[in-house]
Amino acid sequence: LPVVAQQGWTMLFGSAVLHAASVVRG
């Protein structure tokens, strides 16, 4: 995958994990 596309998906994957952790943290 082109590095720009890979980085974009990586950012969105990471933001999803952060959202989940934010919800757990209340």
PDB file of all heavy atoms in Angstrom:
ATOM      1  N   LEU A   1       0.848  -1.188   0.000  1.00  0.00           N
ATOM      2  CA  LEU A   1       0.000   0.000   0.000  1.00  0.00           C
ATOM      3  C   LEU A   1       0.890   1.246   0.000  1.00  0.00           C
ATOM      4  O   LEU A   1       1.882   1.290   0.727  1.00  0.00           O
ATOM      5  CB  LEU A   1      -0.886  -0.014   1.240  1.00  0.00           C
ATOM      6  CG  LEU A   1      -2.104   0.913   1.286  1.00  0.00           C
ATOM      7  CD1 LEU A   1      -3.128   0.502   0.233  1.00  0.00           C
ATOM      8  CD2 LEU A   1      -2.732   0.885   2.665  1.00  0.00           C
ATOM      9  N   PRO A   2       0.580   2.266  -0.799  1.00  0.00           N
ATOM     10  CA  PRO A   2       1.375   3.497  -0.762  1.00  0.00           C
ATOM     11  C   PRO A   2       1.457   4.044   0.658  1.00  0.00           C
ATOM     12  O   PRO A   2       0.492   3.978   1.421  1.00  0.00           O
ATOM     13  CB  PRO A   2       0.593   4.447  -1.687  1.00  0.00           C
ATOM     14  CG  PRO A   2      -0.124   3.547  -2.626  1.00  0.00           C
ATOM     15  CD  PRO A   2      -0.485   2.325  -1.825  1.00  0.00           C
ATOM     16  N   VAL A   3       2.599   4.602   1.015  1.00  0.00           N
ATOM     17  CA  VAL A   3       2.846   4.999   2.398  1.00  0.00           C
ATOM     18  C   VAL A   3       1.847   6.062   2.876  1.00  0.00           C
ATOM     19  O   VAL A   3       1.453   6.067   4.045  1.00  0.00           O
ATOM     20  CB  VAL A   3       4.297   5.491   2.564  1.00  0.00           C
ATOM     21  CG1 VAL A   3       4.527   6.774   1.787  1.00  0.00           C
ATOM     22  CG2 VAL A   3       4.632   5.684   4.032  1.00  0.00           C
ATOM     23  N   VAL A   4       1.400   6.949   1.971  1.00  0.00           N
ATOM     24  CA  VAL A   4       0.435   7.974   2.368  1.00  0.00           C
ATOM     25  C   VAL A   4      -0.888   7.326   2.747  1.00  0.00           C
ATOM     26  O   VAL A   4      -1.498   7.669   3.769  1.00  0.00           O
ATOM     27  CB  VAL A   4       0.238   8.998   1.234  1.00  0.00           C
ATOM     28  CG1 VAL A   4      -0.856   9.993   1.594  1.00  0.00           C
ATOM     29  CG2 VAL A   4       1.541   9.727   0.941  1.00  0.00           C
ATOM     30  N   ALA A   5      -1.332   6.376   1.935  1.00  0.00           N
ATOM     31  CA  ALA A   5      -2.587   5.677   2.238  1.00  0.00           C
ATOM     32  C   ALA A   5      -2.455   4.864   3.517  1.00  0.00           C
ATOM     33  O   ALA A   5      -3.359   4.853   4.359  1.00  0.00           O
ATOM     34  CB  ALA A   5      -2.972   4.769   1.070  1.00  0.00           C
ATOM     35  N   GLN A   6      -1.325   4.187   3.679  1.00  0.00           N
ATOM     36  CA  GLN A   6      -1.117   3.403   4.893  1.00  0.00           C
ATOM     37  C   GLN A   6      -1.150   4.286   6.125  1.00  0.00           C
ATOM     38  O   GLN A   6      -1.747   3.927   7.149  1.00  0.00           O
ATOM     39  CB  GLN A   6       0.224   2.662   4.817  1.00  0.00           C
ATOM     40  CG  GLN A   6       0.513   1.814   6.052  1.00  0.00           C
ATOM     41  CD  GLN A   6       1.805   1.016   5.929  1.00  0.00           C
ATOM     42  OE1 GLN A   6       2.184   0.615   4.838  1.00  0.00           O
ATOM     43  NE2 GLN A   6       2.481   0.787   7.043  1.00  0.00           N
ATOM     44  N   GLN A   7      -0.545   5.468   6.043  1.00  0.00           N
ATOM     45  CA  GLN A   7      -0.530   6.360   7.192  1.00  0.00           C
ATOM     46  C   GLN A   7      -1.925   6.896   7.490  1.00  0.00           C
ATOM     47  O   GLN A   7      -2.304   7.053   8.656  1.00  0.00           O
ATOM     48  CB  GLN A   7       0.437   7.519   6.938  1.00  0.00           C
ATOM     49  CG  GLN A   7       0.671   8.392   8.143  1.00  0.00           C
ATOM     50  CD  GLN A   7       1.346   7.659   9.293  1.00  0.00           C
ATOM     51  OE1 GLN A   7       2.011   6.649   9.070  1.00  0.00           O
ATOM     52  NE2 GLN A   7       1.180   8.137  10.506  1.00  0.00           N
ATOM     53  N   GLY A   8      -2.713   7.174   6.446  1.00  0.00           N
ATOM     54  CA  GLY A   8      -4.075   7.633   6.659  1.00  0.00           C
ATOM     55  C   GLY A   8      -4.923   6.594   7.373  1.00  0.00           C
ATOM     56  O   GLY A   8      -5.646   6.912   8.338  1.00  0.00           O
ATOM     57  N   TRP A   9      -4.837   5.347   6.940  1.00  0.00           N
ATOM     58  CA  TRP A   9      -5.578   4.268   7.603  1.00  0.00           C
ATOM     59  C   TRP A   9      -5.056   4.040   9.025  1.00  0.00           C
ATOM     60  O   TRP A   9      -5.825   3.748   9.941  1.00  0.00           O
ATOM     61  CB  TRP A   9      -5.474   2.975   6.795  1.00  0.00           C
ATOM     62  CG  TRP A   9      -6.326   2.967   5.569  1.00  0.00           C
ATOM     63  CD1 TRP A   9      -5.911   3.042   4.270  1.00  0.00           C
ATOM     64  CD2 TRP A   9      -7.754   2.899   5.522  1.00  0.00           C
ATOM     65  NE1 TRP A   9      -6.983   3.021   3.426  1.00  0.00           N
ATOM     66  CE2 TRP A   9      -8.129   2.921   4.166  1.00  0.00           C
ATOM     67  CE3 TRP A   9      -8.753   2.814   6.500  1.00  0.00           C
ATOM     68  CZ2 TRP A   9      -9.465   2.869   3.745  1.00  0.00           C
ATOM     69  CZ3 TRP A   9     -10.089   2.758   6.093  1.00  0.00           C
ATOM     70  CH2 TRP A   9     -10.436   2.788   4.736  1.00  0.00           C
ATOM     71  N   THR A  10      -3.737   4.179   9.212  1.00  0.00           N
ATOM     72  CA  THR A  10      -3.159   4.025  10.547  1.00  0.00           C
ATOM     73  C   THR A  10      -3.714   5.083  11.502  1.00  0.00           C
ATOM     74  O   THR A  10      -4.045   4.785  12.658  1.00  0.00           O
ATOM     75  CB  THR A  10      -1.629   4.137  10.478  1.00  0.00           C
ATOM     76  OG1 THR A  10      -1.118   3.066   9.666  1.00  0.00           O
ATOM     77  CG2 THR A  10      -1.001   4.030  11.862  1.00  0.00           C
ATOM     78  N   MET A  11      -3.817   6.318  11.028  1.00  0.00           N
ATOM     79  CA  MET A  11      -4.379   7.383  11.851  1.00  0.00           C
ATOM     80  C   MET A  11      -5.816   7.076  12.248  1.00  0.00           C
ATOM     81  O   MET A  11      -6.205   7.236  13.416  1.00  0.00           O
ATOM     82  CB  MET A  11      -4.322   8.713  11.094  1.00  0.00           C
ATOM     83  CG  MET A  11      -2.937   9.295  10.934  1.00  0.00           C
ATOM     84  SD  MET A  11      -2.999  10.839   9.968  1.00  0.00           S
ATOM     85  CE  MET A  11      -1.274  11.342  10.028  1.00  0.00           C
ATOM     86  N   LEU A  12      -6.621   6.618  11.290  1.00  0.00           N
ATOM     87  CA  LEU A  12      -8.029   6.334  11.582  1.00  0.00           C
ATOM     88  C   LEU A  12      -8.174   5.127  12.502  1.00  0.00           C
ATOM     89  O   LEU A  12      -9.045   5.102  13.377  1.00  0.00           O
ATOM     90  CB  LEU A  12      -8.798   6.124  10.278  1.00  0.00           C
ATOM     91  CG  LEU A  12      -8.967   7.373   9.415  1.00  0.00           C
ATOM     92  CD1 LEU A  12      -9.720   7.039   8.134  1.00  0.00           C
ATOM     93  CD2 LEU A  12      -9.697   8.462  10.181  1.00  0.00           C
ATOM     94  N   PHE A  13      -7.333   4.111  12.310  1.00  0.00           N
ATOM     95  CA  PHE A  13      -7.364   2.947  13.202  1.00  0.00           C
ATOM     96  C   PHE A  13      -7.009   3.382  14.621  1.00  0.00           C
ATOM     97  O   PHE A  13      -7.667   3.000  15.601  1.00  0.00           O
ATOM     98  CB  PHE A  13      -6.382   1.878  12.709  1.00  0.00           C
ATOM     99  CG  PHE A  13      -6.549   0.542  13.381  1.00  0.00           C
ATOM    100  CD1 PHE A  13      -7.227  -0.489  12.744  1.00  0.00           C
ATOM    101  CD2 PHE A  13      -6.027   0.305  14.649  1.00  0.00           C
ATOM    102  CE1 PHE A  13      -7.394  -1.729  13.362  1.00  0.00           C
ATOM    103  CE2 PHE A  13      -6.186  -0.922  15.281  1.00  0.00           C
ATOM    104  CZ  PHE A  13      -6.867  -1.945  14.629  1.00  0.00           C
ATOM    105  N   GLY A  14      -5.952   4.200  14.733  1.00  0.00           N
ATOM    106  CA  GLY A  14      -5.543   4.681  16.049  1.00  0.00           C
ATOM    107  C   GLY A  14      -6.592   5.560  16.702  1.00  0.00           C
ATOM    108  O   GLY A  14      -6.830   5.466  17.912  1.00  0.00           O
ATOM    109  N   SER A  15      -7.260   6.400  15.924  1.00  0.00           N
ATOM    110  CA  SER A  15      -8.296   7.261  16.490  1.00  0.00           C
ATOM    111  C   SER A  15      -9.475   6.435  16.988  1.00  0.00           C
ATOM    112  O   SER A  15     -10.086   6.777  18.010  1.00  0.00           O
ATOM    113  CB  SER A  15      -8.771   8.290  15.461  1.00  0.00           C
ATOM    114  OG  SER A  15      -9.545   7.702  14.433  1.00  0.00           O
ATOM    115  N   ALA A  16      -9.787   5.333  16.300  1.00  0.00           N
ATOM    116  CA  ALA A  16     -10.869   4.452  16.769  1.00  0.00           C
ATOM    117  C   ALA A  16     -10.517   3.840  18.120  1.00  0.00           C
ATOM    118  O   ALA A  16     -11.371   3.752  19.020  1.00  0.00           O
ATOM    119  CB  ALA A  16     -11.132   3.359  15.736  1.00  0.00           C
ATOM    120  N   VAL A  17      -9.261   3.420  18.283  1.00  0.00           N
ATOM    121  CA  VAL A  17      -8.811   2.872  19.574  1.00  0.00           C
ATOM    122  C   VAL A  17      -8.884   3.942  20.652  1.00  0.00           C
ATOM    123  O   VAL A  17      -9.317   3.681  21.783  1.00  0.00           O
ATOM    124  CB  VAL A  17      -7.379   2.314  19.450  1.00  0.00           C
ATOM    125  CG1 VAL A  17      -6.868   1.837  20.810  1.00  0.00           C
ATOM    126  CG2 VAL A  17      -7.335   1.168  18.441  1.00  0.00           C
ATOM    127  N   LEU A  18      -8.486   5.153  20.324  1.00  0.00           N
ATOM    128  CA  LEU A  18      -8.533   6.256  21.283  1.00  0.00           C
ATOM    129  C   LEU A  18      -9.971   6.584  21.687  1.00  0.00           C
ATOM    130  O   LEU A  18     -10.254   6.864  22.858  1.00  0.00           O
ATOM    131  CB  LEU A  18      -7.861   7.497  20.700  1.00  0.00           C
ATOM    132  CG  LEU A  18      -6.326   7.474  20.659  1.00  0.00           C
ATOM    133  CD1 LEU A  18      -5.789   8.571  19.753  1.00  0.00           C
ATOM    134  CD2 LEU A  18      -5.751   7.608  22.060  1.00  0.00           C
ATOM    135  N   HIS A  19     -10.887   6.554  20.722  1.00  0.00           N
ATOM    136  CA  HIS A  19     -12.299   6.798  21.040  1.00  0.00           C
ATOM    137  C   HIS A  19     -12.818   5.736  22.013  1.00  0.00           C
ATOM    138  O   HIS A  19     -13.531   6.059  22.971  1.00  0.00           O
ATOM    139  CB  HIS A  19     -13.143   6.795  19.770  1.00  0.00           C
ATOM    140  CG  HIS A  19     -13.193   8.113  19.073  1.00  0.00           C
ATOM    141  ND1 HIS A  19     -13.752   9.234  19.642  1.00  0.00           N
ATOM    142  CD2 HIS A  19     -12.748   8.490  17.838  1.00  0.00           C
ATOM    143  CE1 HIS A  19     -13.660  10.247  18.789  1.00  0.00           C
ATOM    144  NE2 HIS A  19     -13.048   9.828  17.698  1.00  0.00           N
ATOM    145  N   ALA A  20     -12.461   4.476  21.750  1.00  0.00           N
ATOM    146  CA  ALA A  20     -12.905   3.385  22.631  1.00  0.00           C
ATOM    147  C   ALA A  20     -12.346   3.582  24.042  1.00  0.00           C
ATOM    148  O   ALA A  20     -13.064   3.433  25.042  1.00  0.00           O
ATOM    149  CB  ALA A  20     -12.464   2.039  22.062  1.00  0.00           C
ATOM    150  N   ALA A  21     -11.068   3.939  24.130  1.00  0.00           N
ATOM    151  CA  ALA A  21     -10.455   4.165  25.443  1.00  0.00           C
ATOM    152  C   ALA A  21     -11.076   5.371  26.141  1.00  0.00           C
ATOM    153  O   ALA A  21     -11.259   5.367  27.366  1.00  0.00           O
ATOM    154  CB  ALA A  21      -8.947   4.383  25.279  1.00  0.00           C
ATOM    155  N   SER A  22     -11.443   6.389  25.364  1.00  0.00           N
ATOM    156  CA  SER A  22     -12.094   7.563  25.938  1.00  0.00           C
ATOM    157  C   SER A  22     -13.451   7.213  26.539  1.00  0.00           C
ATOM    158  O   SER A  22     -13.810   7.703  27.620  1.00  0.00           O
ATOM    159  CB  SER A  22     -12.257   8.650  24.864  1.00  0.00           C
ATOM    160  OG  SER A  22     -12.946   9.773  25.359  1.00  0.00           O
ATOM    161  N   VAL A  23     -14.192   6.364  25.845  1.00  0.00           N
ATOM    162  CA  VAL A  23     -15.498   5.929  26.356  1.00  0.00           C
ATOM    163  C   VAL A  23     -15.325   5.123  27.634  1.00  0.00           C
ATOM    164  O   VAL A  23     -16.041   5.326  28.627  1.00  0.00           O
ATOM    165  CB  VAL A  23     -16.247   5.106  25.284  1.00  0.00           C
ATOM    166  CG1 VAL A  23     -17.492   4.454  25.887  1.00  0.00           C
ATOM    167  CG2 VAL A  23     -16.629   5.986  24.099  1.00  0.00           C
ATOM    168  N   VAL A  24     -14.360   4.207  27.632  1.00  0.00           N
ATOM    169  CA  VAL A  24     -14.107   3.390  28.826  1.00  0.00           C
ATOM    170  C   VAL A  24     -13.714   4.281  29.997  1.00  0.00           C
ATOM    171  O   VAL A  24     -14.118   4.043  31.143  1.00  0.00           O
ATOM    172  CB  VAL A  24     -12.999   2.352  28.534  1.00  0.00           C
ATOM    173  CG1 VAL A  24     -12.571   1.658  29.826  1.00  0.00           C
ATOM    174  CG2 VAL A  24     -13.488   1.328  27.515  1.00  0.00           C
ATOM    175  N   ARG A  25     -12.959   5.303  29.716  1.00  0.00           N
ATOM    176  CA  ARG A  25     -12.513   6.226  30.764  1.00  0.00           C
ATOM    177  C   ARG A  25     -13.631   7.178  31.218  1.00  0.00           C
ATOM    178  O   ARG A  25     -13.492   7.875  32.216  1.00  0.00           O
ATOM    179  CB  ARG A  25     -11.313   7.018  30.238  1.00  0.00           C
ATOM    180  CG  ARG A  25     -10.477   7.695  31.304  1.00  0.00           C
ATOM    181  CD  ARG A  25      -9.149   8.153  30.736  1.00  0.00           C
ATOM    182  NE  ARG A  25      -8.355   8.819  31.772  1.00  0.00           N
ATOM    183  CZ  ARG A  25      -8.269  10.143  31.916  1.00  0.00           C
ATOM    184  NH1 ARG A  25      -8.910  10.937  31.087  1.00  0.00           N
ATOM    185  NH2 ARG A  25      -7.540  10.662  32.880  1.00  0.00           N
ATOM    186  N   GLY A  26     -14.726   7.223  30.471  1.00  0.00           N
ATOM    187  CA  GLY A  26     -15.844   8.077  30.844  1.00  0.00           C
ATOM    188  C   GLY A  26     -15.640   9.549  30.543  1.00  0.00           C
ATOM    189  O   GLY A  26     -16.162  10.417  31.253  1.00  0.00           O
TER     190      GLY A  26
END
